[in-house]
Amino acid sequence: MTGNATRGEEATTCRFFVTYTGMKMPFRLVEAIPDAQLTHRNTFIRAYFDAAGLLTGFDKMVYGEVELAHRYEYHANGAIRRAEVTMVDEDTVVVAFDEAGQPLAAA
């Protein structure tokens, strides 16, 4: 199921992973899942990458439902600019970052 999809007006590539690591956004995805093994998993990460290979977002899938979703935007220099984090039954949290990729204080 790896392939291209359209989200908004940009073409993206969708790939699948076992999990993510790290505390800083964007999270790092680890252990790619080959398409043939995807049907044998109850939980996995569905990740979206732009044409430049930057992670634009991911969904943590648990038994067919999205448990956690991240969406990322980047500054022109490649540093993260904005992250939207949505968890089941919680409000979406938006975090802004400066051009060095450091979180900005909430207003």
PDB file of N, CA and C in Angstrom:
ATOM      1  N   MET A   1       0.800  -1.190   0.000  1.00  0.00           N
ATOM      2  CA  MET A   1       0.000   0.000   0.000  1.00  0.00           C
ATOM      3  C   MET A   1       0.846   1.259   0.000  1.00  0.00           C
ATOM      4  N   THR A   2       2.141   1.094  -0.100  1.00  0.00           N
ATOM      5  CA  THR A   2       2.995   2.249  -0.249  1.00  0.00           C
ATOM      6  C   THR A   2       2.696   2.859  -1.600  1.00  0.00           C
ATOM      7  N   GLY A   3       2.587   4.160  -1.644  1.00  0.00           N
ATOM      8  CA  GLY A   3       2.291   4.773  -2.929  1.00  0.00           C
ATOM      9  C   GLY A   3       2.035   6.243  -2.779  1.00  0.00           C
ATOM     10  N   ASN A   4       1.537   6.814  -3.862  1.00  0.00           N
ATOM     11  CA  ASN A   4       1.272   8.240  -3.890  1.00  0.00           C
ATOM     12  C   ASN A   4      -0.196   8.497  -3.635  1.00  0.00           C
ATOM     13  N   ALA A   5      -0.468   9.571  -2.959  1.00  0.00           N
ATOM     14  CA  ALA A   5      -1.836  10.002  -2.682  1.00  0.00           C
ATOM     15  C   ALA A   5      -1.857  11.509  -2.785  1.00  0.00           C
ATOM     16  N   THR A   6      -3.030  12.076  -2.870  1.00  0.00           N
ATOM     17  CA  THR A   6      -3.138  13.524  -2.913  1.00  0.00           C
ATOM     18  C   THR A   6      -3.804  13.998  -1.637  1.00  0.00           C
ATOM     19  N   ARG A   7      -3.122  14.875  -0.903  1.00  0.00           N
ATOM     20  CA  ARG A   7      -3.676  15.499   0.300  1.00  0.00           C
ATOM     21  C   ARG A   7      -3.649  16.987   0.015  1.00  0.00           C
ATOM     22  N   GLY A   8      -4.815  17.594  -0.084  1.00  0.00           N
ATOM     23  CA  GLY A   8      -4.856  19.000  -0.469  1.00  0.00           C
ATOM     24  C   GLY A   8      -4.474  19.064  -1.936  1.00  0.00           C
ATOM     25  N   GLU A   9      -3.528  19.911  -2.276  1.00  0.00           N
ATOM     26  CA  GLU A   9      -3.106  20.031  -3.669  1.00  0.00           C
ATOM     27  C   GLU A   9      -1.744  19.411  -3.905  1.00  0.00           C
ATOM     28  N   GLU A  10      -1.101  18.925  -2.847  1.00  0.00           N
ATOM     29  CA  GLU A  10       0.230  18.356  -2.985  1.00  0.00           C
ATOM     30  C   GLU A  10       0.164  16.839  -3.065  1.00  0.00           C
ATOM     31  N   ALA A  11       0.979  16.285  -3.935  1.00  0.00           N
ATOM     32  CA  ALA A  11       1.095  14.830  -3.985  1.00  0.00           C
ATOM     33  C   ALA A  11       1.968  14.394  -2.816  1.00  0.00           C
ATOM     34  N   THR A  12       1.582  13.334  -2.159  1.00  0.00           N
ATOM     35  CA  THR A  12       2.361  12.813  -1.044  1.00  0.00           C
ATOM     36  C   THR A  12       2.615  11.334  -1.255  1.00  0.00           C
ATOM     37  N   THR A  13       3.610  10.847  -0.567  1.00  0.00           N
ATOM     38  CA  THR A  13       3.901   9.423  -0.553  1.00  0.00           C
ATOM     39  C   THR A  13       3.494   8.892   0.804  1.00  0.00           C
ATOM     40  N   CYS A  14       2.782   7.783   0.816  1.00  0.00           N
ATOM     41  CA  CYS A  14       2.346   7.158   2.052  1.00  0.00           C
ATOM     42  C   CYS A  14       3.165   5.897   2.279  1.00  0.00           C
ATOM     43  N   ARG A  15       3.743   5.780   3.485  1.00  0.00           N
ATOM     44  CA  ARG A  15       4.498   4.590   3.869  1.00  0.00           C
ATOM     45  C   ARG A  15       4.051   4.189   5.259  1.00  0.00           C
ATOM     46  N   PHE A  16       4.407   2.982   5.668  1.00  0.00           N
ATOM     47  CA  PHE A  16       3.944   2.436   6.939  1.00  0.00           C
ATOM     48  C   PHE A  16       5.130   2.033   7.807  1.00  0.00           C
ATOM     49  N   PHE A  17       4.975   2.233   9.136  1.00  0.00           N
ATOM     50  CA  PHE A  17       6.042   1.968  10.091  1.00  0.00           C
ATOM     51  C   PHE A  17       5.475   1.289  11.326  1.00  0.00           C
ATOM     52  N   VAL A  18       6.365   0.636  12.081  1.00  0.00           N
ATOM     53  CA  VAL A  18       5.959  -0.029  13.317  1.00  0.00           C
ATOM     54  C   VAL A  18       5.670   1.000  14.401  1.00  0.00           C
ATOM     55  N   THR A  19       6.548   1.986  14.556  1.00  0.00           N
ATOM     56  CA  THR A  19       6.380   2.949  15.642  1.00  0.00           C
ATOM     57  C   THR A  19       7.181   4.207  15.360  1.00  0.00           C
ATOM     58  N   TYR A  20       7.251   5.081  16.345  1.00  0.00           N
ATOM     59  CA  TYR A  20       8.029   6.313  16.271  1.00  0.00           C
ATOM     60  C   TYR A  20       8.893   6.408  17.518  1.00  0.00           C
ATOM     61  N   THR A  21       9.850   7.332  17.477  1.00  0.00           N
ATOM     62  CA  THR A  21      10.729   7.541  18.613  1.00  0.00           C
ATOM     63  C   THR A  21      11.017   9.029  18.754  1.00  0.00           C
ATOM     64  N   GLY A  22      11.449   9.421  19.914  1.00  0.00           N
ATOM     65  CA  GLY A  22      11.844  10.799  20.159  1.00  0.00           C
ATOM     66  C   GLY A  22      10.804  11.573  20.927  1.00  0.00           C
ATOM     67  N   MET A  23      11.219  12.700  21.434  1.00  0.00           N
ATOM     68  CA  MET A  23      10.337  13.594  22.181  1.00  0.00           C
ATOM     69  C   MET A  23      10.134  14.902  21.427  1.00  0.00           C
ATOM     70  N   LYS A  24      11.063  15.234  20.531  1.00  0.00           N
ATOM     71  CA  LYS A  24      10.970  16.468  19.770  1.00  0.00           C
ATOM     72  C   LYS A  24      10.255  16.201  18.458  1.00  0.00           C
ATOM     73  N   MET A  25       9.478  17.180  18.015  1.00  0.00           N
ATOM     74  CA  MET A  25       8.792  17.053  16.735  1.00  0.00           C
ATOM     75  C   MET A  25       9.668  17.610  15.635  1.00  0.00           C
ATOM     76  N   PRO A  26       9.611  17.059  14.451  1.00  0.00           N
ATOM     77  CA  PRO A  26       8.796  15.911  14.064  1.00  0.00           C
ATOM     78  C   PRO A  26       9.383  14.615  14.629  1.00  0.00           C
ATOM     79  N   PHE A  27       8.498  13.707  15.020  1.00  0.00           N
ATOM     80  CA  PHE A  27       8.949  12.422  15.535  1.00  0.00           C
ATOM     81  C   PHE A  27       9.685  11.663  14.441  1.00  0.00           C
ATOM     82  N   ARG A  28      10.545  10.747  14.854  1.00  0.00           N
ATOM     83  CA  ARG A  28      11.250   9.879  13.904  1.00  0.00           C
ATOM     84  C   ARG A  28      10.511   8.551  13.835  1.00  0.00           C
ATOM     85  N   LEU A  29      10.244   8.109  12.626  1.00  0.00           N
ATOM     86  CA  LEU A  29       9.550   6.842  12.426  1.00  0.00           C
ATOM     87  C   LEU A  29      10.571   5.733  12.266  1.00  0.00           C
ATOM     88  N   VAL A  30      10.303   4.579  12.853  1.00  0.00           N
ATOM     89  CA  VAL A  30      11.249   3.477  12.815  1.00  0.00           C
ATOM     90  C   VAL A  30      10.572   2.192  12.358  1.00  0.00           C
ATOM     91  N   GLU A  31      11.370   1.313  11.783  1.00  0.00           N
ATOM     92  CA  GLU A  31      10.955  -0.004  11.329  1.00  0.00           C
ATOM     93  C   GLU A  31       9.849   0.043  10.283  1.00  0.00           C
ATOM     94  N   ALA A  32      10.260   0.329   9.052  1.00  0.00           N
ATOM     95  CA  ALA A  32       9.300   0.340   7.940  1.00  0.00           C
ATOM     96  C   ALA A  32       8.636  -1.032   7.813  1.00  0.00           C
ATOM     97  N   ILE A  33       7.370  -1.033   7.446  1.00  0.00           N
ATOM     98  CA  ILE A  33       6.621  -2.277   7.277  1.00  0.00           C
ATOM     99  C   ILE A  33       6.421  -2.524   5.782  1.00  0.00           C
ATOM    100  N   PRO A  34       6.898  -3.658   5.278  1.00  0.00           N
ATOM    101  CA  PRO A  34       6.636  -3.987   3.875  1.00  0.00           C
ATOM    102  C   PRO A  34       5.133  -4.169   3.648  1.00  0.00           C
ATOM    103  N   ASP A  35       4.667  -3.805   2.467  1.00  0.00           N
ATOM    104  CA  ASP A  35       3.236  -3.901   2.147  1.00  0.00           C
ATOM    105  C   ASP A  35       2.664  -5.284   2.460  1.00  0.00           C
ATOM    106  N   ALA A  36       3.400  -6.317   2.172  1.00  0.00           N
ATOM    107  CA  ALA A  36       2.904  -7.683   2.359  1.00  0.00           C
ATOM    108  C   ALA A  36       2.628  -8.011   3.824  1.00  0.00           C
ATOM    109  N   GLN A  37       3.274  -7.312   4.755  1.00  0.00           N
ATOM    110  CA  GLN A  37       3.096  -7.597   6.175  1.00  0.00           C
ATOM    111  C   GLN A  37       2.080  -6.687   6.861  1.00  0.00           C
ATOM    112  N   LEU A  38       1.570  -5.696   6.151  1.00  0.00           N
ATOM    113  CA  LEU A  38       0.673  -4.728   6.771  1.00  0.00           C
ATOM    114  C   LEU A  38      -0.619  -5.369   7.270  1.00  0.00           C
ATOM    115  N   THR A  39      -1.147  -6.331   6.562  1.00  0.00           N
ATOM    116  CA  THR A  39      -2.418  -6.952   6.963  1.00  0.00           C
ATOM    117  C   THR A  39      -2.277  -7.808   8.215  1.00  0.00           C
ATOM    118  N   HIS A  40      -1.054  -8.083   8.651  1.00  0.00           N
ATOM    119  CA  HIS A  40      -0.815  -8.902   9.831  1.00  0.00           C
ATOM    120  C   HIS A  40      -0.606  -8.064  11.094  1.00  0.00           C
ATOM    121  N   ARG A  41      -0.889  -6.760  11.021  1.00  0.00           N
ATOM    122  CA  ARG A  41      -0.627  -5.868  12.150  1.00  0.00           C
ATOM    123  C   ARG A  41      -1.911  -5.254  12.669  1.00  0.00           C
ATOM    124  N   ASN A  42      -2.048  -5.168  13.989  1.00  0.00           N
ATOM    125  CA  ASN A  42      -3.176  -4.491  14.611  1.00  0.00           C
ATOM    126  C   ASN A  42      -2.893  -3.010  14.834  1.00  0.00           C
ATOM    127  N   THR A  43      -1.616  -2.678  15.026  1.00  0.00           N
ATOM    128  CA  THR A  43      -1.221  -1.283  15.216  1.00  0.00           C
ATOM    129  C   THR A  43      -0.062  -0.984  14.271  1.00  0.00           C
ATOM    130  N   PHE A  44      -0.072   0.229  13.734  1.00  0.00           N
ATOM    131  CA  PHE A  44       1.005   0.674  12.854  1.00  0.00           C
ATOM    132  C   PHE A  44       0.885   2.177  12.659  1.00  0.00           C
ATOM    133  N   ILE A  45       1.910   2.757  12.074  1.00  0.00           N
ATOM    134  CA  ILE A  45       1.943   4.177  11.759  1.00  0.00           C
ATOM    135  C   ILE A  45       1.769   4.327  10.251  1.00  0.00           C
ATOM    136  N   ARG A  46       0.798   5.147   9.838  1.00  0.00           N
ATOM    137  CA  ARG A  46       0.600   5.495   8.423  1.00  0.00           C
ATOM    138  C   ARG A  46       1.177   6.896   8.268  1.00  0.00           C
ATOM    139  N   ALA A  47       2.256   7.025   7.480  1.00  0.00           N
ATOM    140  CA  ALA A  47       2.992   8.285   7.394  1.00  0.00           C
ATOM    141  C   ALA A  47       2.937   8.876   5.989  1.00  0.00           C
ATOM    142  N   TYR A  48       2.935  10.209   5.948  1.00  0.00           N
ATOM    143  CA  TYR A  48       2.859  10.940   4.691  1.00  0.00           C
ATOM    144  C   TYR A  48       4.119  11.783   4.521  1.00  0.00           C
ATOM    145  N   PHE A  49       4.699  11.718   3.331  1.00  0.00           N
ATOM    146  CA  PHE A  49       5.914  12.454   3.013  1.00  0.00           C
ATOM    147  C   PHE A  49       5.672  13.306   1.768  1.00  0.00           C
ATOM    148  N   ASP A  50       6.254  14.525   1.757  1.00  0.00           N
ATOM    149  CA  ASP A  50       6.103  15.371   0.580  1.00  0.00           C
ATOM    150  C   ASP A  50       7.127  14.977  -0.484  1.00  0.00           C
ATOM    151  N   ALA A  51       7.120  15.689  -1.605  1.00  0.00           N
ATOM    152  CA  ALA A  51       8.011  15.370  -2.723  1.00  0.00           C
ATOM    153  C   ALA A  51       9.484  15.471  -2.345  1.00  0.00           C
ATOM    154  N   ALA A  52       9.800  16.308  -1.341  1.00  0.00           N
ATOM    155  CA  ALA A  52      11.182  16.462  -0.886  1.00  0.00           C
ATOM    156  C   ALA A  52      11.565  15.412   0.153  1.00  0.00           C
ATOM    157  N   GLY A  53      10.621  14.563   0.542  1.00  0.00           N
ATOM    158  CA  GLY A  53      10.902  13.519   1.515  1.00  0.00           C
ATOM    159  C   GLY A  53      10.669  13.920   2.964  1.00  0.00           C
ATOM    160  N   LEU A  54      10.141  15.127   3.195  1.00  0.00           N
ATOM    161  CA  LEU A  54       9.852  15.561   4.565  1.00  0.00           C
ATOM    162  C   LEU A  54       8.564  14.915   5.060  1.00  0.00           C
ATOM    163  N   LEU A  55       8.568  14.518   6.314  1.00  0.00           N
ATOM    164  CA  LEU A  55       7.386  13.943   6.953  1.00  0.00           C
ATOM    165  C   LEU A  55       6.365  15.061   7.156  1.00  0.00           C
ATOM    166  N   THR A  56       5.217  14.965   6.484  1.00  0.00           N
ATOM    167  CA  THR A  56       4.187  15.994   6.619  1.00  0.00           C
ATOM    168  C   THR A  56       3.116  15.599   7.623  1.00  0.00           C
ATOM    169  N   GLY A  57       3.101  14.348   8.018  1.00  0.00           N
ATOM    170  CA  GLY A  57       2.150  13.919   9.021  1.00  0.00           C
ATOM    171  C   GLY A  57       2.112  12.416   9.157  1.00  0.00           C
ATOM    172  N   PHE A  58       1.491  11.973  10.249  1.00  0.00           N
ATOM    173  CA  PHE A  58       1.294  10.533  10.419  1.00  0.00           C
ATOM    174  C   PHE A  58       0.063  10.286  11.267  1.00  0.00           C
ATOM    175  N   ASP A  59      -0.485   9.085  11.110  1.00  0.00           N
ATOM    176  CA  ASP A  59      -1.606   8.614  11.914  1.00  0.00           C
ATOM    177  C   ASP A  59      -1.176   7.324  12.590  1.00  0.00           C
ATOM    178  N   LYS A  60      -1.350   7.245  13.902  1.00  0.00           N
ATOM    179  CA  LYS A  60      -1.119   5.993  14.609  1.00  0.00           C
ATOM    180  C   LYS A  60      -2.429   5.222  14.550  1.00  0.00           C
ATOM    181  N   MET A  61      -2.419   4.104  13.852  1.00  0.00           N
ATOM    182  CA  MET A  61      -3.608   3.289  13.647  1.00  0.00           C
ATOM    183  C   MET A  61      -3.632   2.148  14.666  1.00  0.00           C
ATOM    184  N   VAL A  62      -4.761   1.997  15.355  1.00  0.00           N
ATOM    185  CA  VAL A  62      -4.934   0.930  16.334  1.00  0.00           C
ATOM    186  C   VAL A  62      -6.268   0.260  16.019  1.00  0.00           C
ATOM    187  N   TYR A  63      -6.199  -0.991  15.609  1.00  0.00           N
ATOM    188  CA  TYR A  63      -7.394  -1.758  15.233  1.00  0.00           C
ATOM    189  C   TYR A  63      -8.288  -0.974  14.268  1.00  0.00           C
ATOM    190  N   GLY A  64      -7.660  -0.354  13.266  1.00  0.00           N
ATOM    191  CA  GLY A  64      -8.398   0.328  12.212  1.00  0.00           C
ATOM    192  C   GLY A  64      -8.851   1.737  12.527  1.00  0.00           C
ATOM    193  N   GLU A  65      -8.571   2.233  13.717  1.00  0.00           N
ATOM    194  CA  GLU A  65      -8.977   3.583  14.115  1.00  0.00           C
ATOM    195  C   GLU A  65      -7.743   4.451  14.353  1.00  0.00           C
ATOM    196  N   VAL A  66      -7.862   5.753  14.061  1.00  0.00           N
ATOM    197  CA  VAL A  66      -6.769   6.689  14.318  1.00  0.00           C
ATOM    198  C   VAL A  66      -6.766   7.031  15.807  1.00  0.00           C
ATOM    199  N   GLU A  67      -5.670   6.707  16.484  1.00  0.00           N
ATOM    200  CA  GLU A  67      -5.523   6.987  17.910  1.00  0.00           C
ATOM    201  C   GLU A  67      -4.782   8.298  18.152  1.00  0.00           C
ATOM    202  N   LEU A  68      -3.868   8.621  17.253  1.00  0.00           N
ATOM    203  CA  LEU A  68      -3.031   9.808  17.372  1.00  0.00           C
ATOM    204  C   LEU A  68      -2.705  10.288  15.973  1.00  0.00           C
ATOM    205  N   ALA A  69      -2.774  11.602  15.746  1.00  0.00           N
ATOM    206  CA  ALA A  69      -2.432  12.162  14.438  1.00  0.00           C
ATOM    207  C   ALA A  69      -1.531  13.374  14.624  1.00  0.00           C
ATOM    208  N   HIS A  70      -0.487  13.452  13.823  1.00  0.00           N
ATOM    209  CA  HIS A  70       0.394  14.615  13.784  1.00  0.00           C
ATOM    210  C   HIS A  70       0.387  15.147  12.351  1.00  0.00           C
ATOM    211  N   ARG A  71       0.385  16.482  12.200  1.00  0.00           N
ATOM    212  CA  ARG A  71       0.536  17.140  10.908  1.00  0.00           C
ATOM    213  C   ARG A  71       1.612  18.191  11.083  1.00  0.00           C
ATOM    214  N   TYR A  72       2.554  18.243  10.131  1.00  0.00           N
ATOM    215  CA  TYR A  72       3.703  19.127  10.233  1.00  0.00           C
ATOM    216  C   TYR A  72       3.798  20.067   9.038  1.00  0.00           C
ATOM    217  N   GLU A  73       4.297  21.281   9.316  1.00  0.00           N
ATOM    218  CA  GLU A  73       4.663  22.251   8.283  1.00  0.00           C
ATOM    219  C   GLU A  73       6.085  22.693   8.596  1.00  0.00           C
ATOM    220  N   TYR A  74       6.818  23.112   7.549  1.00  0.00           N
ATOM    221  CA  TYR A  74       8.232  23.429   7.706  1.00  0.00           C
ATOM    222  C   TYR A  74       8.560  24.823   7.201  1.00  0.00           C
ATOM    223  N   HIS A  75       9.595  25.432   7.811  1.00  0.00           N
ATOM    224  CA  HIS A  75      10.160  26.684   7.311  1.00  0.00           C
ATOM    225  C   HIS A  75      10.916  26.375   6.019  1.00  0.00           C
ATOM    226  N   ALA A  76      11.257  27.418   5.255  1.00  0.00           N
ATOM    227  CA  ALA A  76      12.008  27.249   4.003  1.00  0.00           C
ATOM    228  C   ALA A  76      13.356  26.575   4.232  1.00  0.00           C
ATOM    229  N   ASN A  77      13.935  26.719   5.439  1.00  0.00           N
ATOM    230  CA  ASN A  77      15.232  26.107   5.731  1.00  0.00           C
ATOM    231  C   ASN A  77      15.127  24.630   6.135  1.00  0.00           C
ATOM    232  N   GLY A  78      13.887  24.091   6.168  1.00  0.00           N
ATOM    233  CA  GLY A  78      13.688  22.681   6.511  1.00  0.00           C
ATOM    234  C   GLY A  78      13.375  22.427   7.969  1.00  0.00           C
ATOM    235  N   ALA A  79      13.482  23.452   8.833  1.00  0.00           N
ATOM    236  CA  ALA A  79      13.150  23.290  10.255  1.00  0.00           C
ATOM    237  C   ALA A  79      11.627  23.267  10.410  1.00  0.00           C
ATOM    238  N   ILE A  80      11.160  22.529  11.382  1.00  0.00           N
ATOM    239  CA  ILE A  80       9.717  22.466  11.623  1.00  0.00           C
ATOM    240  C   ILE A  80       9.193  23.865  11.968  1.00  0.00           C
ATOM    241  N   ARG A  81       8.031  24.228  11.392  1.00  0.00           N
ATOM    242  CA  ARG A  81       7.404  25.526  11.611  1.00  0.00           C
ATOM    243  C   ARG A  81       6.153  25.411  12.472  1.00  0.00           C
ATOM    244  N   ARG A  82       5.394  24.313  12.268  1.00  0.00           N
ATOM    245  CA  ARG A  82       4.103  24.163  12.946  1.00  0.00           C
ATOM    246  C   ARG A  82       3.770  22.690  13.059  1.00  0.00           C
ATOM    247  N   ALA A  83       3.184  22.315  14.176  1.00  0.00           N
ATOM    248  CA  ALA A  83       2.730  20.940  14.372  1.00  0.00           C
ATOM    249  C   ALA A  83       1.322  20.970  14.943  1.00  0.00           C
ATOM    250  N   GLU A  84       0.462  20.123  14.409  1.00  0.00           N
ATOM    251  CA  GLU A  84      -0.878  19.907  14.959  1.00  0.00           C
ATOM    252  C   GLU A  84      -0.908  18.484  15.478  1.00  0.00           C
ATOM    253  N   VAL A  85      -1.276  18.329  16.747  1.00  0.00           N
ATOM    254  CA  VAL A  85      -1.309  17.014  17.377  1.00  0.00           C
ATOM    255  C   VAL A  85      -2.731  16.747  17.855  1.00  0.00           C
ATOM    256  N   THR A  86      -3.307  15.649  17.373  1.00  0.00           N
ATOM    257  CA  THR A  86      -4.666  15.282  17.742  1.00  0.00           C
ATOM    258  C   THR A  86      -4.656  13.893  18.341  1.00  0.00           C
ATOM    259  N   MET A  87      -5.217  13.781  19.554  1.00  0.00           N
ATOM    260  CA  MET A  87      -5.361  12.494  20.220  1.00  0.00           C
ATOM    261  C   MET A  87      -6.843  12.197  20.366  1.00  0.00           C
ATOM    262  N   VAL A  88      -7.199  10.927  20.458  1.00  0.00           N
ATOM    263  CA  VAL A  88      -8.587  10.513  20.586  1.00  0.00           C
ATOM    264  C   VAL A  88      -9.236  11.244  21.763  1.00  0.00           C
ATOM    265  N   ASP A  89     -10.414  11.784  21.522  1.00  0.00           N
ATOM    266  CA  ASP A  89     -11.223  12.437  22.557  1.00  0.00           C
ATOM    267  C   ASP A  89     -10.563  13.643  23.210  1.00  0.00           C
ATOM    268  N   GLU A  90      -9.601  14.271  22.537  1.00  0.00           N
ATOM    269  CA  GLU A  90      -8.964  15.474  23.069  1.00  0.00           C
ATOM    270  C   GLU A  90      -8.934  16.539  21.986  1.00  0.00           C
ATOM    271  N   ASP A  91      -8.846  17.800  22.405  1.00  0.00           N
ATOM    272  CA  ASP A  91      -8.723  18.895  21.453  1.00  0.00           C
ATOM    273  C   ASP A  91      -7.367  18.843  20.761  1.00  0.00           C
ATOM    274  N   THR A  92      -7.338  19.314  19.529  1.00  0.00           N
ATOM    275  CA  THR A  92      -6.083  19.402  18.788  1.00  0.00           C
ATOM    276  C   THR A  92      -5.197  20.467  19.419  1.00  0.00           C
ATOM    277  N   VAL A  93      -3.924  20.151  19.572  1.00  0.00           N
ATOM    278  CA  VAL A  93      -2.934  21.079  20.109  1.00  0.00           C
ATOM    279  C   VAL A  93      -2.060  21.535  18.951  1.00  0.00           C
ATOM    280  N   VAL A  94      -1.874  22.860  18.848  1.00  0.00           N
ATOM    281  CA  VAL A  94      -1.026  23.427  17.802  1.00  0.00           C
ATOM    282  C   VAL A  94       0.209  24.018  18.467  1.00  0.00           C
ATOM    283  N   VAL A  95       1.383  23.645  17.938  1.00  0.00           N
ATOM    284  CA  VAL A  95       2.649  24.151  18.460  1.00  0.00           C
ATOM    285  C   VAL A  95       3.371  24.851  17.315  1.00  0.00           C
ATOM    286  N   ALA A  96       3.808  26.103  17.556  1.00  0.00           N
ATOM    287  CA  ALA A  96       4.570  26.857  16.563  1.00  0.00           C
ATOM    288  C   ALA A  96       6.051  26.808  16.932  1.00  0.00           C
ATOM    289  N   PHE A  97       6.903  26.859  15.909  1.00  0.00           N
ATOM    290  CA  PHE A  97       8.354  26.768  16.103  1.00  0.00           C
ATOM    291  C   PHE A  97       9.037  27.918  15.370  1.00  0.00           C
ATOM    292  N   ASP A  98      10.180  28.374  15.920  1.00  0.00           N
ATOM    293  CA  ASP A  98      10.956  29.406  15.234  1.00  0.00           C
ATOM    294  C   ASP A  98      11.771  28.767  14.109  1.00  0.00           C
ATOM    295  N   GLU A  99      12.543  29.576  13.391  1.00  0.00           N
ATOM    296  CA  GLU A  99      13.293  29.064  12.234  1.00  0.00           C
ATOM    297  C   GLU A  99      14.434  28.134  12.613  1.00  0.00           C
ATOM    298  N   ALA A 100      14.728  28.033  13.896  1.00  0.00           N
ATOM    299  CA  ALA A 100      15.719  27.067  14.364  1.00  0.00           C
ATOM    300  C   ALA A 100      15.053  25.775  14.816  1.00  0.00           C
ATOM    301  N   GLY A 101      13.709  25.714  14.717  1.00  0.00           N
ATOM    302  CA  GLY A 101      12.988  24.532  15.118  1.00  0.00           C
ATOM    303  C   GLY A 101      12.713  24.443  16.604  1.00  0.00           C
ATOM    304  N   GLN A 102      12.862  25.578  17.310  1.00  0.00           N
ATOM    305  CA  GLN A 102      12.596  25.609  18.755  1.00  0.00           C
ATOM    306  C   GLN A 102      11.154  26.063  18.989  1.00  0.00           C
ATOM    307  N   PRO A 103      10.454  25.435  19.934  1.00  0.00           N
ATOM    308  CA  PRO A 103       9.051  25.821  20.201  1.00  0.00           C
ATOM    309  C   PRO A 103       8.955  27.274  20.650  1.00  0.00           C
ATOM    310  N   LEU A 104       7.928  27.963  20.134  1.00  0.00           N
ATOM    311  CA  LEU A 104       7.663  29.343  20.549  1.00  0.00           C
ATOM    312  C   LEU A 104       6.743  29.295  21.766  1.00  0.00           C
ATOM    313  N   ALA A 105       6.882  30.277  22.635  1.00  0.00           N
ATOM    314  CA  ALA A 105       6.022  30.351  23.815  1.00  0.00           C
ATOM    315  C   ALA A 105       4.587  30.621  23.362  1.00  0.00           C
ATOM    316  N   ALA A 106       3.649  30.004  24.036  1.00  0.00           N
ATOM    317  CA  ALA A 106       2.243  30.220  23.718  1.00  0.00           C
ATOM    318  C   ALA A 106       1.861  31.647  24.061  1.00  0.00           C
ATOM    319  N   ALA A 107       0.980  32.220  23.234  1.00  0.00           N
ATOM    320  CA  ALA A 107       0.566  33.609  23.458  1.00  0.00           C
ATOM    321  C   ALA A 107      -0.497  33.681  24.533  1.00  0.00           C
TER     322      ALA A 107
END
